[in-house]
Amino acid sequence: MTDVTHEELGPVGQEIVFENDRVRVWHIRLEPGERQPLHRHDHPYLVVAIQGAKNVVQTVDGTRIDADEPTGGVVYRDPGAVHMLTNVGDTTYLARLVELK
């Protein structure tokens, strides 16, 4: 499963809410138990948790990473990751993901 093409990957979020030549902003909403499909981050990005949740990241090679994201938290990530995000908590997860072009 390590050789993944773009055709097999889902989008970074559910909806693009803003885009210009410098940034692209995605809306992400995951209900408890819901999963964002396998996707690739081609740009560095920030995640801003509007409503935090207990999430798990599963990488394309099967590594599982606990990713508790508190409400109001902000994280920066380098490009290149291919993973899925699952809300394993009992609250709705809402976030904006800001890709830096």
PDB file of N, CA and C in Angstrom:
ATOM      1  N   MET A   1       0.815  -1.202   0.000  1.00  0.00           N
ATOM      2  CA  MET A   1       0.000   0.000   0.000  1.00  0.00           C
ATOM      3  C   MET A   1       0.855   1.259   0.000  1.00  0.00           C
ATOM      4  N   THR A   2       2.167   1.137  -0.147  1.00  0.00           N
ATOM      5  CA  THR A   2       3.028   2.304  -0.107  1.00  0.00           C
ATOM      6  C   THR A   2       3.118   3.027  -1.445  1.00  0.00           C
ATOM      7  N   ASP A   3       2.763   2.379  -2.547  1.00  0.00           N
ATOM      8  CA  ASP A   3       2.796   3.020  -3.853  1.00  0.00           C
ATOM      9  C   ASP A   3       1.376   3.476  -4.204  1.00  0.00           C
ATOM     10  N   VAL A   4       1.054   4.706  -3.816  1.00  0.00           N
ATOM     11  CA  VAL A   4      -0.305   5.221  -3.966  1.00  0.00           C
ATOM     12  C   VAL A   4      -0.310   6.322  -5.019  1.00  0.00           C
ATOM     13  N   THR A   5      -1.232   6.233  -5.977  1.00  0.00           N
ATOM     14  CA  THR A   5      -1.354   7.275  -6.989  1.00  0.00           C
ATOM     15  C   THR A   5      -2.409   8.285  -6.556  1.00  0.00           C
ATOM     16  N   HIS A   6      -2.373   9.460  -7.179  1.00  0.00           N
ATOM     17  CA  HIS A   6      -3.353  10.500  -6.850  1.00  0.00           C
ATOM     18  C   HIS A   6      -4.786  10.036  -7.092  1.00  0.00           C
ATOM     19  N   GLU A   7      -4.993   9.137  -8.091  1.00  0.00           N
ATOM     20  CA  GLU A   7      -6.341   8.674  -8.394  1.00  0.00           C
ATOM     21  C   GLU A   7      -6.947   7.893  -7.227  1.00  0.00           C
ATOM     22  N   GLU A   8      -6.106   7.275  -6.396  1.00  0.00           N
ATOM     23  CA  GLU A   8      -6.596   6.484  -5.276  1.00  0.00           C
ATOM     24  C   GLU A   8      -6.813   7.320  -4.022  1.00  0.00           C
ATOM     25  N   LEU A   9      -6.422   8.577  -4.071  1.00  0.00           N
ATOM     26  CA  LEU A   9      -6.469   9.429  -2.884  1.00  0.00           C
ATOM     27  C   LEU A   9      -7.706  10.314  -2.873  1.00  0.00           C
ATOM     28  N   GLY A  10      -8.183  10.603  -1.670  1.00  0.00           N
ATOM     29  CA  GLY A  10      -9.297  11.521  -1.508  1.00  0.00           C
ATOM     30  C   GLY A  10      -8.793  12.948  -1.343  1.00  0.00           C
ATOM     31  N   PRO A  11      -9.713  13.889  -1.209  1.00  0.00           N
ATOM     32  CA  PRO A  11      -9.330  15.283  -0.993  1.00  0.00           C
ATOM     33  C   PRO A  11      -8.826  15.496   0.433  1.00  0.00           C
ATOM     34  N   VAL A  12      -8.117  16.590   0.641  1.00  0.00           N
ATOM     35  CA  VAL A  12      -7.573  16.950   1.953  1.00  0.00           C
ATOM     36  C   VAL A  12      -8.696  17.261   2.947  1.00  0.00           C
ATOM     37  N   GLY A  13      -9.788  17.853   2.464  1.00  0.00           N
ATOM     38  CA  GLY A  13     -10.939  18.178   3.305  1.00  0.00           C
ATOM     39  C   GLY A  13     -12.217  17.997   2.528  1.00  0.00           C
ATOM     40  N   GLN A  14     -13.334  18.380   3.145  1.00  0.00           N
ATOM     41  CA  GLN A  14     -14.615  18.204   2.461  1.00  0.00           C
ATOM     42  C   GLN A  14     -14.935  19.330   1.481  1.00  0.00           C
ATOM     43  N   GLU A  15     -14.426  20.529   1.740  1.00  0.00           N
ATOM     44  CA  GLU A  15     -14.804  21.669   0.911  1.00  0.00           C
ATOM     45  C   GLU A  15     -13.714  22.727   0.977  1.00  0.00           C
ATOM     46  N   ILE A  16     -13.391  23.335  -0.171  1.00  0.00           N
ATOM     47  CA  ILE A  16     -12.488  24.484  -0.188  1.00  0.00           C
ATOM     48  C   ILE A  16     -13.331  25.721   0.109  1.00  0.00           C
ATOM     49  N   VAL A  17     -12.977  26.443   1.184  1.00  0.00           N
ATOM     50  CA  VAL A  17     -13.755  27.619   1.579  1.00  0.00           C
ATOM     51  C   VAL A  17     -13.097  28.926   1.160  1.00  0.00           C
ATOM     52  N   PHE A  18     -11.809  28.861   0.772  1.00  0.00           N
ATOM     53  CA  PHE A  18     -11.103  30.040   0.277  1.00  0.00           C
ATOM     54  C   PHE A  18      -9.877  29.567  -0.474  1.00  0.00           C
ATOM     55  N   GLU A  19      -9.554  30.273  -1.581  1.00  0.00           N
ATOM     56  CA  GLU A  19      -8.327  29.958  -2.297  1.00  0.00           C
ATOM     57  C   GLU A  19      -7.873  31.175  -3.078  1.00  0.00           C
ATOM     58  N   ASN A  20      -6.543  31.408  -3.036  1.00  0.00           N
ATOM     59  CA  ASN A  20      -5.929  32.392  -3.915  1.00  0.00           C
ATOM     60  C   ASN A  20      -4.576  31.833  -4.341  1.00  0.00           C
ATOM     61  N   ASP A  21      -3.684  32.672  -4.873  1.00  0.00           N
ATOM     62  CA  ASP A  21      -2.410  32.160  -5.373  1.00  0.00           C
ATOM     63  C   ASP A  21      -1.426  31.791  -4.265  1.00  0.00           C
ATOM     64  N   ARG A  22      -1.737  32.085  -3.002  1.00  0.00           N
ATOM     65  CA  ARG A  22      -0.819  31.798  -1.895  1.00  0.00           C
ATOM     66  C   ARG A  22      -1.316  30.731  -0.921  1.00  0.00           C
ATOM     67  N   VAL A  23      -2.637  30.624  -0.758  1.00  0.00           N
ATOM     68  CA  VAL A  23      -3.189  29.674   0.215  1.00  0.00           C
ATOM     69  C   VAL A  23      -4.442  28.999  -0.336  1.00  0.00           C
ATOM     70  N   ARG A  24      -4.744  27.832   0.225  1.00  0.00           N
ATOM     71  CA  ARG A  24      -6.013  27.143  -0.015  1.00  0.00           C
ATOM     72  C   ARG A  24      -6.519  26.727   1.368  1.00  0.00           C
ATOM     73  N   VAL A  25      -7.780  27.050   1.672  1.00  0.00           N
ATOM     74  CA  VAL A  25      -8.337  26.747   2.990  1.00  0.00           C
ATOM     75  C   VAL A  25      -9.449  25.715   2.833  1.00  0.00           C
ATOM     76  N   TRP A  26      -9.300  24.603   3.550  1.00  0.00           N
ATOM     77  CA  TRP A  26     -10.261  23.504   3.525  1.00  0.00           C
ATOM     78  C   TRP A  26     -11.098  23.503   4.793  1.00  0.00           C
ATOM     79  N   HIS A  27     -12.362  23.146   4.660  1.00  0.00           N
ATOM     80  CA  HIS A  27     -13.252  22.862   5.793  1.00  0.00           C
ATOM     81  C   HIS A  27     -13.192  21.362   6.041  1.00  0.00           C
ATOM     82  N   ILE A  28     -13.020  20.997   7.311  1.00  0.00           N
ATOM     83  CA  ILE A  28     -13.025  19.584   7.701  1.00  0.00           C
ATOM     84  C   ILE A  28     -14.016  19.411   8.839  1.00  0.00           C
ATOM     85  N   ARG A  29     -14.898  18.450   8.696  1.00  0.00           N
ATOM     86  CA  ARG A  29     -15.858  18.102   9.746  1.00  0.00           C
ATOM     87  C   ARG A  29     -15.931  16.583   9.823  1.00  0.00           C
ATOM     88  N   LEU A  30     -15.658  16.052  11.008  1.00  0.00           N
ATOM     89  CA  LEU A  30     -15.761  14.612  11.217  1.00  0.00           C
ATOM     90  C   LEU A  30     -16.614  14.362  12.455  1.00  0.00           C
ATOM     91  N   GLU A  31     -17.687  13.623  12.256  1.00  0.00           N
ATOM     92  CA  GLU A  31     -18.511  13.202  13.387  1.00  0.00           C
ATOM     93  C   GLU A  31     -17.779  12.075  14.122  1.00  0.00           C
ATOM     94  N   PRO A  32     -18.144  11.782  15.370  1.00  0.00           N
ATOM     95  CA  PRO A  32     -17.513  10.673  16.077  1.00  0.00           C
ATOM     96  C   PRO A  32     -17.561   9.390  15.234  1.00  0.00           C
ATOM     97  N   GLY A  33     -16.414   8.745  15.082  1.00  0.00           N
ATOM     98  CA  GLY A  33     -16.318   7.522  14.294  1.00  0.00           C
ATOM     99  C   GLY A  33     -16.101   7.747  12.807  1.00  0.00           C
ATOM    100  N   GLU A  34     -16.224   8.971  12.336  1.00  0.00           N
ATOM    101  CA  GLU A  34     -16.083   9.257  10.907  1.00  0.00           C
ATOM    102  C   GLU A  34     -14.601   9.403  10.534  1.00  0.00           C
ATOM    103  N   ARG A  35     -14.280   9.057   9.278  1.00  0.00           N
ATOM    104  CA  ARG A  35     -12.901   9.071   8.792  1.00  0.00           C
ATOM    105  C   ARG A  35     -12.770   9.926   7.545  1.00  0.00           C
ATOM    106  N   GLN A  36     -11.717  10.715   7.500  1.00  0.00           N
ATOM    107  CA  GLN A  36     -11.314  11.424   6.288  1.00  0.00           C
ATOM    108  C   GLN A  36     -10.533  10.415   5.454  1.00  0.00           C
ATOM    109  N   PRO A  37     -10.834  10.245   4.166  1.00  0.00           N
ATOM    110  CA  PRO A  37     -10.169   9.196   3.377  1.00  0.00           C
ATOM    111  C   PRO A  37      -8.666   9.446   3.240  1.00  0.00           C
ATOM    112  N   LEU A  38      -7.978   8.420   2.789  1.00  0.00           N
ATOM    113  CA  LEU A  38      -6.553   8.519   2.531  1.00  0.00           C
ATOM    114  C   LEU A  38      -6.302   9.678   1.575  1.00  0.00           C
ATOM    115  N   HIS A  39      -5.376  10.553   1.957  1.00  0.00           N
ATOM    116  CA  HIS A  39      -5.085  11.735   1.147  1.00  0.00           C
ATOM    117  C   HIS A  39      -3.622  12.121   1.315  1.00  0.00           C
ATOM    118  N   ARG A  40      -3.131  12.945   0.400  1.00  0.00           N
ATOM    119  CA  ARG A  40      -1.735  13.386   0.425  1.00  0.00           C
ATOM    120  C   ARG A  40      -1.695  14.906   0.599  1.00  0.00           C
ATOM    121  N   HIS A  41      -0.732  15.348   1.394  1.00  0.00           N
ATOM    122  CA  HIS A  41      -0.497  16.787   1.584  1.00  0.00           C
ATOM    123  C   HIS A  41       0.694  17.191   0.717  1.00  0.00           C
ATOM    124  N   ASP A  42       0.410  17.878  -0.384  1.00  0.00           N
ATOM    125  CA  ASP A  42       1.453  18.308  -1.309  1.00  0.00           C
ATOM    126  C   ASP A  42       2.067  19.650  -0.921  1.00  0.00           C
ATOM    127  N   HIS A  43       1.463  20.337   0.037  1.00  0.00           N
ATOM    128  CA  HIS A  43       1.940  21.655   0.477  1.00  0.00           C
ATOM    129  C   HIS A  43       2.102  21.647   1.999  1.00  0.00           C
ATOM    130  N   PRO A  44       2.996  22.509   2.528  1.00  0.00           N
ATOM    131  CA  PRO A  44       2.997  22.685   3.979  1.00  0.00           C
ATOM    132  C   PRO A  44       1.641  23.236   4.394  1.00  0.00           C
ATOM    133  N   TYR A  45       1.234  22.954   5.655  1.00  0.00           N
ATOM    134  CA  TYR A  45      -0.105  23.378   6.047  1.00  0.00           C
ATOM    135  C   TYR A  45      -0.224  23.600   7.548  1.00  0.00           C
ATOM    136  N   LEU A  46      -1.243  24.363   7.907  1.00  0.00           N
ATOM    137  CA  LEU A  46      -1.650  24.594   9.283  1.00  0.00           C
ATOM    138  C   LEU A  46      -3.024  23.994   9.471  1.00  0.00           C
ATOM    139  N   VAL A  47      -3.263  23.390  10.644  1.00  0.00           N
ATOM    140  CA  VAL A  47      -4.596  22.929  11.006  1.00  0.00           C
ATOM    141  C   VAL A  47      -5.045  23.746  12.205  1.00  0.00           C
ATOM    142  N   VAL A  48      -6.204  24.384  12.072  1.00  0.00           N
ATOM    143  CA  VAL A  48      -6.795  25.172  13.159  1.00  0.00           C
ATOM    144  C   VAL A  48      -8.053  24.432  13.619  1.00  0.00           C
ATOM    145  N   ALA A  49      -8.031  23.931  14.850  1.00  0.00           N
ATOM    146  CA  ALA A  49      -9.176  23.188  15.381  1.00  0.00           C
ATOM    147  C   ALA A  49     -10.211  24.174  15.902  1.00  0.00           C
ATOM    148  N   ILE A  50     -11.339  24.268  15.212  1.00  0.00           N
ATOM    149  CA  ILE A  50     -12.435  25.141  15.631  1.00  0.00           C
ATOM    150  C   ILE A  50     -13.207  24.477  16.769  1.00  0.00           C
ATOM    151  N   GLN A  51     -13.412  23.188  16.630  1.00  0.00           N
ATOM    152  CA  GLN A  51     -13.996  22.364  17.695  1.00  0.00           C
ATOM    153  C   GLN A  51     -13.151  21.104  17.772  1.00  0.00           C
ATOM    154  N   GLY A  52     -12.421  20.967  18.854  1.00  0.00           N
ATOM    155  CA  GLY A  52     -11.452  19.889  18.981  1.00  0.00           C
ATOM    156  C   GLY A  52     -12.086  18.522  19.166  1.00  0.00           C
ATOM    157  N   ALA A  53     -11.258  17.506  18.987  1.00  0.00           N
ATOM    158  CA  ALA A  53     -11.697  16.113  19.156  1.00  0.00           C
ATOM    159  C   ALA A  53     -10.467  15.239  19.356  1.00  0.00           C
ATOM    160  N   LYS A  54     -10.728  14.005  19.730  1.00  0.00           N
ATOM    161  CA  LYS A  54      -9.677  13.004  19.855  1.00  0.00           C
ATOM    162  C   LYS A  54      -9.587  12.282  18.517  1.00  0.00           C
ATOM    163  N   ASN A  55      -8.501  12.513  17.805  1.00  0.00           N
ATOM    164  CA  ASN A  55      -8.323  11.944  16.474  1.00  0.00           C
ATOM    165  C   ASN A  55      -7.163  10.969  16.440  1.00  0.00           C
ATOM    166  N   VAL A  56      -7.178  10.117  15.424  1.00  0.00           N
ATOM    167  CA  VAL A  56      -6.074   9.208  15.160  1.00  0.00           C
ATOM    168  C   VAL A  56      -5.680   9.374  13.695  1.00  0.00           C
ATOM    169  N   VAL A  57      -4.390   9.522  13.462  1.00  0.00           N
ATOM    170  CA  VAL A  57      -3.832   9.561  12.111  1.00  0.00           C
ATOM    171  C   VAL A  57      -3.271   8.185  11.813  1.00  0.00           C
ATOM    172  N   GLN A  58      -3.641   7.632  10.656  1.00  0.00           N
ATOM    173  CA  GLN A  58      -3.043   6.374  10.205  1.00  0.00           C
ATOM    174  C   GLN A  58      -2.321   6.660   8.905  1.00  0.00           C
ATOM    175  N   THR A  59      -1.001   6.446   8.900  1.00  0.00           N
ATOM    176  CA  THR A  59      -0.201   6.733   7.720  1.00  0.00           C
ATOM    177  C   THR A  59      -0.346   5.624   6.692  1.00  0.00           C
ATOM    178  N   VAL A  60       0.120   5.914   5.489  1.00  0.00           N
ATOM    179  CA  VAL A  60      -0.002   4.958   4.386  1.00  0.00           C
ATOM    180  C   VAL A  60       0.750   3.666   4.689  1.00  0.00           C
ATOM    181  N   ASP A  61       1.778   3.724   5.543  1.00  0.00           N
ATOM    182  CA  ASP A  61       2.522   2.505   5.890  1.00  0.00           C
ATOM    183  C   ASP A  61       1.952   1.795   7.121  1.00  0.00           C
ATOM    184  N   GLY A  62       0.806   2.297   7.636  1.00  0.00           N
ATOM    185  CA  GLY A  62       0.130   1.612   8.726  1.00  0.00           C
ATOM    186  C   GLY A  62       0.439   2.139  10.115  1.00  0.00           C
ATOM    187  N   THR A  63       1.312   3.131  10.223  1.00  0.00           N
ATOM    188  CA  THR A  63       1.623   3.719  11.527  1.00  0.00           C
ATOM    189  C   THR A  63       0.409   4.452  12.070  1.00  0.00           C
ATOM    190  N   ARG A  64       0.118   4.250  13.357  1.00  0.00           N
ATOM    191  CA  ARG A  64      -1.017   4.900  14.016  1.00  0.00           C
ATOM    192  C   ARG A  64      -0.487   5.952  14.985  1.00  0.00           C
ATOM    193  N   ILE A  65      -0.986   7.185  14.847  1.00  0.00           N
ATOM    194  CA  ILE A  65      -0.529   8.303  15.668  1.00  0.00           C
ATOM    195  C   ILE A  65      -1.731   8.931  16.353  1.00  0.00           C
ATOM    196  N   ASP A  66      -1.718   8.972  17.688  1.00  0.00           N
ATOM    197  CA  ASP A  66      -2.775   9.673  18.415  1.00  0.00           C
ATOM    198  C   ASP A  66      -2.612  11.167  18.174  1.00  0.00           C
ATOM    199  N   ALA A  67      -3.705  11.830  17.819  1.00  0.00           N
ATOM    200  CA  ALA A  67      -3.662  13.253  17.481  1.00  0.00           C
ATOM    201  C   ALA A  67      -4.811  13.973  18.177  1.00  0.00           C
ATOM    202  N   ASP A  68      -4.695  14.123  19.488  1.00  0.00           N
ATOM    203  CA  ASP A  68      -5.695  14.906  20.208  1.00  0.00           C
ATOM    204  C   ASP A  68      -5.562  16.356  19.782  1.00  0.00           C
ATOM    205  N   GLU A  69      -6.661  16.939  19.344  1.00  0.00           N
ATOM    206  CA  GLU A  69      -6.635  18.323  18.869  1.00  0.00           C
ATOM    207  C   GLU A  69      -7.599  19.146  19.704  1.00  0.00           C
ATOM    208  N   PRO A  70      -7.075  19.952  20.625  1.00  0.00           N
ATOM    209  CA  PRO A  70      -7.948  20.752  21.480  1.00  0.00           C
ATOM    210  C   PRO A  70      -8.571  21.913  20.704  1.00  0.00           C
ATOM    211  N   THR A  71      -9.754  22.322  21.134  1.00  0.00           N
ATOM    212  CA  THR A  71     -10.420  23.474  20.527  1.00  0.00           C
ATOM    213  C   THR A  71      -9.491  24.682  20.594  1.00  0.00           C
ATOM    214  N   GLY A  72      -9.325  25.349  19.449  1.00  0.00           N
ATOM    215  CA  GLY A  72      -8.450  26.517  19.368  1.00  0.00           C
ATOM    216  C   GLY A  72      -7.001  26.184  19.089  1.00  0.00           C
ATOM    217  N   GLY A  73      -6.659  24.903  19.076  1.00  0.00           N
ATOM    218  CA  GLY A  73      -5.272  24.500  18.826  1.00  0.00           C
ATOM    219  C   GLY A  73      -4.885  24.715  17.375  1.00  0.00           C
ATOM    220  N   VAL A  74      -3.598  24.977  17.164  1.00  0.00           N
ATOM    221  CA  VAL A  74      -3.052  25.160  15.820  1.00  0.00           C
ATOM    222  C   VAL A  74      -1.794  24.314  15.711  1.00  0.00           C
ATOM    223  N   VAL A  75      -1.680  23.543  14.629  1.00  0.00           N
ATOM    224  CA  VAL A  75      -0.471  22.764  14.374  1.00  0.00           C
ATOM    225  C   VAL A  75       0.020  23.044  12.962  1.00  0.00           C
ATOM    226  N   TYR A  76       1.340  23.001  12.794  1.00  0.00           N
ATOM    227  CA  TYR A  76       1.976  23.136  11.484  1.00  0.00           C
ATOM    228  C   TYR A  76       2.517  21.780  11.076  1.00  0.00           C
ATOM    229  N   ARG A  77       2.366  21.440   9.803  1.00  0.00           N
ATOM    230  CA  ARG A  77       2.893  20.175   9.284  1.00  0.00           C
ATOM    231  C   ARG A  77       3.615  20.435   7.958  1.00  0.00           C
ATOM    232  N   ASP A  78       4.727  19.725   7.776  1.00  0.00           N
ATOM    233  CA  ASP A  78       5.454  19.773   6.513  1.00  0.00           C
ATOM    234  C   ASP A  78       4.704  18.971   5.451  1.00  0.00           C
ATOM    235  N   PRO A  79       4.963  19.250   4.164  1.00  0.00           N
ATOM    236  CA  PRO A  79       4.286  18.508   3.093  1.00  0.00           C
ATOM    237  C   PRO A  79       4.802  17.084   2.994  1.00  0.00           C
ATOM    238  N   GLY A  80       4.071  16.263   2.238  1.00  0.00           N
ATOM    239  CA  GLY A  80       4.505  14.920   1.919  1.00  0.00           C
ATOM    240  C   GLY A  80       3.740  13.808   2.602  1.00  0.00           C
ATOM    241  N   ALA A  81       2.989  14.122   3.647  1.00  0.00           N
ATOM    242  CA  ALA A  81       2.277  13.072   4.380  1.00  0.00           C
ATOM    243  C   ALA A  81       1.161  12.472   3.531  1.00  0.00           C
ATOM    244  N   VAL A  82       1.022  11.138   3.630  1.00  0.00           N
ATOM    245  CA  VAL A  82      -0.112  10.425   3.046  1.00  0.00           C
ATOM    246  C   VAL A  82      -0.741   9.660   4.197  1.00  0.00           C
ATOM    247  N   HIS A  83      -1.982  10.032   4.542  1.00  0.00           N
ATOM    248  CA  HIS A  83      -2.611   9.424   5.720  1.00  0.00           C
ATOM    249  C   HIS A  83      -4.130   9.569   5.699  1.00  0.00           C
ATOM    250  N   MET A  84      -4.764   8.922   6.688  1.00  0.00           N
ATOM    251  CA  MET A  84      -6.197   9.061   6.947  1.00  0.00           C
ATOM    252  C   MET A  84      -6.330   9.664   8.337  1.00  0.00           C
ATOM    253  N   LEU A  85      -7.429  10.371   8.576  1.00  0.00           N
ATOM    254  CA  LEU A  85      -7.719  10.940   9.889  1.00  0.00           C
ATOM    255  C   LEU A  85      -9.063  10.394  10.341  1.00  0.00           C
ATOM    256  N   THR A  86      -9.109   9.846  11.564  1.00  0.00           N
ATOM    257  CA  THR A  86     -10.340   9.297  12.113  1.00  0.00           C
ATOM    258  C   THR A  86     -10.647   9.973  13.442  1.00  0.00           C
ATOM    259  N   ASN A  87     -11.891  10.408  13.610  1.00  0.00           N
ATOM    260  CA  ASN A  87     -12.346  10.960  14.884  1.00  0.00           C
ATOM    261  C   ASN A  87     -12.740   9.779  15.765  1.00  0.00           C
ATOM    262  N   VAL A  88     -11.908   9.479  16.772  1.00  0.00           N
ATOM    263  CA  VAL A  88     -12.177   8.351  17.662  1.00  0.00           C
ATOM    264  C   VAL A  88     -12.803   8.813  18.978  1.00  0.00           C
ATOM    265  N   GLY A  89     -13.078  10.114  19.083  1.00  0.00           N
ATOM    266  CA  GLY A  89     -13.682  10.655  20.297  1.00  0.00           C
ATOM    267  C   GLY A  89     -15.191  10.649  20.232  1.00  0.00           C
ATOM    268  N   ASP A  90     -15.800  11.407  21.142  1.00  0.00           N
ATOM    269  CA  ASP A  90     -17.269  11.463  21.196  1.00  0.00           C
ATOM    270  C   ASP A  90     -17.800  12.862  20.923  1.00  0.00           C
ATOM    271  N   THR A  91     -16.971  13.716  20.317  1.00  0.00           N
ATOM    272  CA  THR A  91     -17.403  15.063  19.935  1.00  0.00           C
ATOM    273  C   THR A  91     -17.155  15.261  18.443  1.00  0.00           C
ATOM    274  N   THR A  92     -17.919  16.158  17.827  1.00  0.00           N
ATOM    275  CA  THR A  92     -17.719  16.506  16.426  1.00  0.00           C
ATOM    276  C   THR A  92     -16.417  17.289  16.286  1.00  0.00           C
ATOM    277  N   TYR A  93     -15.625  16.954  15.285  1.00  0.00           N
ATOM    278  CA  TYR A  93     -14.377  17.659  15.002  1.00  0.00           C
ATOM    279  C   TYR A  93     -14.619  18.632  13.863  1.00  0.00           C
ATOM    280  N   LEU A  94     -14.306  19.902  14.094  1.00  0.00           N
ATOM    281  CA  LEU A  94     -14.395  20.939  13.066  1.00  0.00           C
ATOM    282  C   LEU A  94     -13.036  21.614  12.958  1.00  0.00           C
ATOM    283  N   ALA A  95     -12.546  21.774  11.744  1.00  0.00           N
ATOM    284  CA  ALA A  95     -11.238  22.408  11.568  1.00  0.00           C
ATOM    285  C   ALA A  95     -11.169  23.141  10.234  1.00  0.00           C
ATOM    286  N   ARG A  96     -10.207  24.053  10.164  1.00  0.00           N
ATOM    287  CA  ARG A  96      -9.803  24.667   8.900  1.00  0.00           C
ATOM    288  C   ARG A  96      -8.358  24.255   8.679  1.00  0.00           C
ATOM    289  N   LEU A  97      -8.095  23.731   7.493  1.00  0.00           N
ATOM    290  CA  LEU A  97      -6.749  23.346   7.113  1.00  0.00           C
ATOM    291  C   LEU A  97      -6.284  24.349   6.067  1.00  0.00           C
ATOM    292  N   VAL A  98      -5.186  25.029   6.360  1.00  0.00           N
ATOM    293  CA  VAL A  98      -4.669  26.094   5.495  1.00  0.00           C
ATOM    294  C   VAL A  98      -3.408  25.593   4.798  1.00  0.00           C
ATOM    295  N   GLU A  99      -3.520  25.332   3.505  1.00  0.00           N
ATOM    296  CA  GLU A  99      -2.354  24.921   2.720  1.00  0.00           C
ATOM    297  C   GLU A  99      -1.609  26.166   2.248  1.00  0.00           C
ATOM    298  N   LEU A 100      -0.288  26.152   2.409  1.00  0.00           N
ATOM    299  CA  LEU A 100       0.574  27.254   1.981  1.00  0.00           C
ATOM    300  C   LEU A 100       1.183  26.877   0.646  1.00  0.00           C
ATOM    301  N   LYS A 101       0.843  27.621  -0.398  1.00  0.00           N
ATOM    302  CA  LYS A 101       1.296  27.262  -1.739  1.00  0.00           C
ATOM    303  C   LYS A 101       2.708  27.777  -1.998  1.00  0.00           C
TER     304      LYS A 101
END
